[in-house]
Protein backbone atom coordinates (compact mmCIF):
# COMPACT_ATOMS: atom_id res chain seq x y z
CA UNK A 1 151.11 72.59 190.06
CA UNK A 2 154.44 70.73 190.49
CA UNK A 3 157.51 72.32 192.39
CA UNK A 4 159.63 72.05 189.19
CA UNK A 5 157.30 74.50 187.28
CA UNK A 6 157.72 78.21 188.18
CA UNK A 7 154.81 80.31 188.91
CA UNK A 8 154.75 83.16 186.45
CA UNK A 9 153.00 85.33 189.23
CA UNK A 10 155.69 84.64 191.68
CA UNK A 11 158.61 87.35 192.59
CA UNK A 12 161.24 85.00 191.41
CA UNK A 13 159.88 84.78 187.83
CA UNK A 14 159.14 88.55 187.65
CA UNK A 15 162.78 89.46 188.79
CA UNK A 16 164.29 87.83 185.69
CA UNK A 17 162.48 90.12 183.28
CA UNK A 18 164.35 93.19 182.39
CA UNK A 19 162.63 96.49 182.96
CA UNK A 20 162.80 98.14 179.52
CA UNK A 21 160.23 100.89 178.34
CA UNK A 22 158.46 99.38 175.28
CA UNK A 23 159.89 100.49 171.79
CA UNK A 24 162.81 102.51 173.13
CA UNK A 25 165.55 99.80 172.93
CA UNK A 26 164.19 98.78 169.40
CA UNK A 27 164.74 102.21 167.88
CA UNK A 28 168.31 102.40 169.54
CA UNK A 29 169.18 99.17 168.26
CA UNK A 30 168.00 100.11 164.59
CA UNK A 31 169.76 103.45 164.63
CA UNK A 32 173.07 101.60 165.72
CA UNK A 33 172.63 98.96 163.01
CA UNK A 34 172.29 101.70 160.49
CA UNK A 35 175.33 103.51 161.61
CA UNK A 36 177.53 100.51 161.69
CA UNK A 37 176.23 99.59 158.13
CA UNK A 38 177.28 103.09 156.94
CA UNK A 39 180.74 103.08 158.61
CA UNK A 40 181.10 99.53 157.07
CA UNK A 41 180.23 100.92 153.56
CA UNK A 42 182.56 103.95 153.99
CA UNK A 43 185.34 101.51 155.11
CA UNK A 44 184.82 99.33 152.02
CA UNK A 45 184.94 102.38 149.78
CA UNK A 46 188.25 103.57 151.15
CA UNK A 47 189.80 99.96 150.87
CA UNK A 48 188.40 99.36 147.46
CA UNK A 49 190.86 99.78 144.60
CA UNK A 50 189.88 102.63 142.36
CA UNK A 51 189.33 101.67 138.67
CA UNK A 52 191.45 103.04 135.89
CA UNK A 53 188.69 105.67 134.80
CA UNK A 54 188.29 106.75 138.31
CA UNK A 55 192.07 107.35 138.79
CA UNK A 56 192.27 109.04 135.40
CA UNK A 57 189.39 111.47 136.20
CA UNK A 58 190.99 112.37 139.73
CA UNK A 59 194.26 113.00 138.14
CA UNK A 60 192.72 115.12 135.36
CA UNK A 61 190.75 117.15 138.00
CA UNK A 62 193.71 117.63 139.98
CA UNK A 63 195.76 118.92 137.14
CA UNK A 64 193.11 121.29 135.80
CA UNK A 65 192.70 122.57 139.41
CA UNK A 66 196.30 123.59 139.55
CA UNK A 67 198.04 126.37 137.46
CA UNK A 68 200.82 125.83 135.03
CA UNK A 69 204.36 125.90 136.58
CA UNK A 70 207.47 127.52 135.40
CA UNK A 71 208.67 123.88 134.46
CA UNK A 72 206.34 123.87 131.42
CA UNK A 73 208.14 124.52 128.36
CA UNK A 74 205.55 126.40 126.72
CA UNK A 75 204.73 128.47 129.88
CA UNK A 76 208.60 129.30 130.02
CA UNK A 77 208.66 130.52 126.45
CA UNK A 78 205.66 132.83 127.09
CA UNK A 79 207.49 134.30 130.08
CA UNK A 80 210.58 135.03 127.88
CA UNK A 81 208.34 136.95 125.55
CA UNK A 82 207.05 139.08 128.43
CA UNK A 83 203.96 137.23 129.47
CA UNK A 84 202.96 137.32 133.00
CA UNK A 85 200.69 134.85 134.93
CA UNK A 86 197.02 136.10 134.93
CA UNK A 87 197.62 138.32 131.95
CA UNK A 88 195.50 137.95 128.76
CA UNK A 89 197.24 136.68 125.49
CA UNK A 90 197.95 139.12 122.80
CA UNK A 91 199.87 142.43 122.38
CA UNK A 92 197.43 144.32 124.48
CA UNK A 93 196.63 141.67 126.90
CA UNK A 94 192.91 141.42 125.76
CA UNK A 95 192.96 137.82 124.71
CA UNK A 96 192.17 134.63 126.61
CA UNK A 97 193.23 134.48 130.19
CA UNK A 98 191.98 130.77 131.15
CA UNK A 99 193.12 127.79 129.08
CA UNK A 100 190.72 126.34 126.74
CA UNK A 101 188.40 124.03 128.58
CA UNK A 102 188.64 120.36 128.12
CA UNK A 103 185.81 118.33 126.87
CA UNK A 104 186.05 114.61 127.30
CA UNK A 105 184.49 112.40 124.58
CA UNK A 106 182.72 109.41 125.81
CA UNK A 107 181.41 108.07 122.51
CA UNK A 108 182.82 107.01 119.32
CA UNK A 109 181.45 109.80 117.10
CA UNK A 110 183.87 111.93 114.89
CA UNK A 111 184.91 115.47 115.48
CA UNK A 112 182.00 117.74 114.74
CA UNK A 113 179.53 114.97 115.07
CA UNK A 114 178.02 116.64 118.05
CA UNK A 115 177.58 120.05 116.40
CA UNK A 116 176.00 118.23 113.49
CA UNK A 117 173.56 116.40 115.73
CA UNK A 118 172.91 119.71 117.66
CA UNK A 119 172.26 121.60 114.40
CA UNK A 120 169.94 118.82 113.02
CA UNK A 121 167.99 118.76 116.22
CA UNK A 122 167.63 122.62 116.13
CA UNK A 123 166.40 122.43 112.49
CA UNK A 124 163.91 119.58 113.35
CA UNK A 125 162.80 121.73 116.28
CA UNK A 126 162.32 124.88 114.21
CA UNK A 127 160.51 122.81 111.53
CA UNK A 128 158.22 121.49 114.07
CA UNK A 129 157.45 124.89 115.49
CA UNK A 130 156.69 126.37 112.18
CA UNK A 131 154.16 123.56 111.56
CA UNK A 132 152.60 124.37 114.94
CA UNK A 133 152.47 128.06 114.19
CA UNK A 134 151.09 127.46 110.61
CA UNK A 135 148.48 125.07 112.19
CA UNK A 136 147.35 127.63 114.58
CA UNK A 137 147.16 130.36 111.85
CA UNK A 138 145.04 128.10 109.78
CA UNK A 139 142.71 127.30 112.80
CA UNK A 140 142.49 131.01 113.55
CA UNK A 141 141.63 131.90 110.01
CA UNK A 142 139.10 128.92 109.71
CA UNK A 143 137.48 130.19 113.03
CA UNK A 144 137.45 133.80 111.81
CA UNK A 145 136.08 132.75 108.50
CA UNK A 146 133.33 130.67 110.19
CA UNK A 147 132.43 133.45 112.44
CA UNK A 148 132.20 135.89 109.56
CA UNK A 149 130.10 133.41 107.62
CA UNK A 150 127.79 133.00 110.40
CA UNK A 151 127.50 136.71 111.08
CA UNK A 152 126.82 137.29 107.37
CA UNK A 153 124.04 134.64 107.10
CA UNK A 154 122.51 135.89 110.46
CA UNK A 155 122.53 139.51 108.87
CA UNK A 156 121.07 138.23 105.73
CA UNK A 157 118.36 136.41 107.51
CA UNK A 158 117.56 139.66 109.54
CA UNK A 159 117.44 141.74 106.47
CA UNK A 160 114.95 139.21 104.66
CA UNK A 161 112.88 139.12 107.83
CA UNK A 162 112.64 143.11 107.88
CA UNK A 163 111.89 143.16 104.21
CA UNK A 164 108.91 140.74 104.71
CA UNK A 165 107.59 142.90 107.61
CA UNK A 166 107.98 146.08 105.34
CA UNK A 167 106.06 144.33 102.53
CA UNK A 168 103.16 143.33 104.81
CA UNK A 169 103.20 146.89 106.31
CA UNK A 170 103.24 148.62 102.96
CA UNK A 171 100.18 146.22 101.82
CA UNK A 172 98.26 147.23 104.68
CA UNK A 173 99.01 150.84 104.69
CA UNK A 174 98.29 151.18 101.02
CA UNK A 175 95.02 149.45 101.42
CA UNK A 176 94.04 151.79 104.18
CA UNK A 177 94.68 154.72 101.66
CA UNK A 178 92.66 153.06 98.93
CA UNK A 179 95.73 152.04 96.93
CA UNK A 180 95.04 148.83 95.17
CA UNK A 181 98.21 148.22 93.10
CA UNK A 182 101.60 148.55 94.61
CA UNK A 183 104.12 151.00 93.15
CA UNK A 184 106.47 147.97 92.55
CA UNK A 185 105.36 144.42 92.49
CA UNK A 186 107.84 143.52 95.27
CA UNK A 187 106.40 146.37 97.49
CA UNK A 188 103.81 143.97 98.60
CA UNK A 189 104.31 140.29 99.82
CA UNK A 190 104.07 137.70 96.73
CA UNK A 191 100.59 136.49 96.21
CA UNK A 192 99.81 132.95 95.52
CA UNK A 193 99.21 132.92 91.76
CA UNK A 194 98.34 129.81 89.81
CA UNK A 195 98.78 131.02 86.36
CA UNK A 196 101.93 130.52 84.74
CA UNK A 197 101.95 133.70 82.78
CA UNK A 198 101.93 135.73 85.90
CA UNK A 199 104.88 133.73 87.30
CA UNK A 200 106.84 134.43 84.27
CA UNK A 201 105.98 138.00 84.34
CA UNK A 202 107.07 138.33 87.86
CA UNK A 203 110.33 136.47 87.10
CA UNK A 204 111.08 138.83 84.36
CA UNK A 205 110.47 141.74 86.48
CA UNK A 206 112.80 140.53 89.29
CA UNK A 207 115.27 139.88 86.63
CA UNK A 208 115.01 143.57 85.50
CA UNK A 209 115.22 144.97 88.88
CA UNK A 210 118.04 142.79 89.99
CA UNK A 211 118.00 144.16 93.54
CA UNK A 212 119.25 142.65 96.66
CA UNK A 213 117.22 142.25 99.68
CA UNK A 214 119.10 144.98 101.36
CA UNK A 215 118.52 147.44 98.59
CA UNK A 216 114.74 146.50 98.55
CA UNK A 217 114.75 147.01 102.42
CA UNK A 218 116.19 150.63 101.82
CA UNK A 219 113.89 151.54 99.03
CA UNK A 220 110.77 150.14 100.84
CA UNK A 221 111.48 151.74 104.22
CA UNK A 222 112.22 155.11 102.39
CA UNK A 223 108.70 154.62 100.81
CA UNK A 224 106.88 153.86 104.14
CA UNK A 225 108.56 156.78 105.87
CA UNK A 226 108.02 159.20 103.04
CA UNK A 227 104.36 158.36 102.23
CA UNK A 228 102.98 156.73 105.32
CA UNK A 229 105.17 158.23 108.01
CA UNK A 230 105.74 154.67 109.18
CA UNK A 231 108.97 153.15 110.83
CA UNK A 232 109.00 149.30 110.88
CA UNK A 233 111.54 149.25 113.72
CA UNK A 234 109.72 151.53 115.88
CA UNK A 235 106.28 149.86 114.71
CA UNK A 236 104.61 153.28 114.82
CA UNK A 237 102.89 155.49 112.31
CA UNK A 238 103.66 159.09 113.12
CA UNK A 239 101.37 162.10 112.37
CA UNK A 240 103.64 163.86 109.80
CA UNK A 241 107.31 164.09 108.87
CA UNK A 242 108.38 166.46 111.65
CA UNK A 243 106.85 164.05 114.18
CA UNK A 244 108.75 161.06 112.47
CA UNK A 245 112.06 162.99 112.44
CA UNK A 246 111.69 164.07 116.19
CA UNK A 247 110.77 160.78 117.72
CA UNK A 248 112.38 158.09 115.46
CA UNK A 249 115.89 157.40 116.04
CA UNK A 250 116.82 156.81 112.43
CA UNK A 251 116.16 154.90 109.29
CA UNK A 252 118.27 151.90 109.84
CA UNK A 253 117.94 148.85 112.12
CA UNK A 254 121.33 149.70 113.67
CA UNK A 255 120.10 152.99 115.04
CA UNK A 256 117.36 151.38 116.81
CA UNK A 257 119.44 148.86 118.88
């Protein structure tokens, strides 16, 4: 190593380095720079010449904040007629106390244009809300109709199922008592008949009776309960009418639920 080159491990080289805590001076310098920048901006704002609109706004705000002086001719005439500062207008003093507020127009729309736009926007909003309400009502009605239709279809399928069970039970119980012909053709399940004449006869009998499945179910359950003391929903043949009335909840499916 030559004499001209300094040894970085020597005391002479280390004494030249400033003893500064890492990160502290950097944060201080950043804060000072930001402070100087803010002061410079504030100074520029003060020295900047205000525009005509800014000057107009400041003078307007200053005038609105100050009350009307006695030098105003209109105020002087009011005082001659007995008006006092802070008193409401009118004979009884129940009128306006503060001056009419000043609304500055920034657009080129004519007088009343803003009210017309506001009224049009309110009408459009009301029309939109009416459409939303009508749509919700239609959806609710459609949902209720669908539920009612599903409920009706489910009840009809249940009635038809109970009717078929009643017909099978009636045929079995009648056969046990030696009855070979049902009291009505529809008391028993339909037998598979190949002859067209029998089919036509059954169709005519069905047209004559013109009973709904619900009517048939009521008639057939009454027959089973009265003749055989049998309840299709209990699935039990009782000893007599007294036993049936005492132990069976009722003669409908709803009473057995």
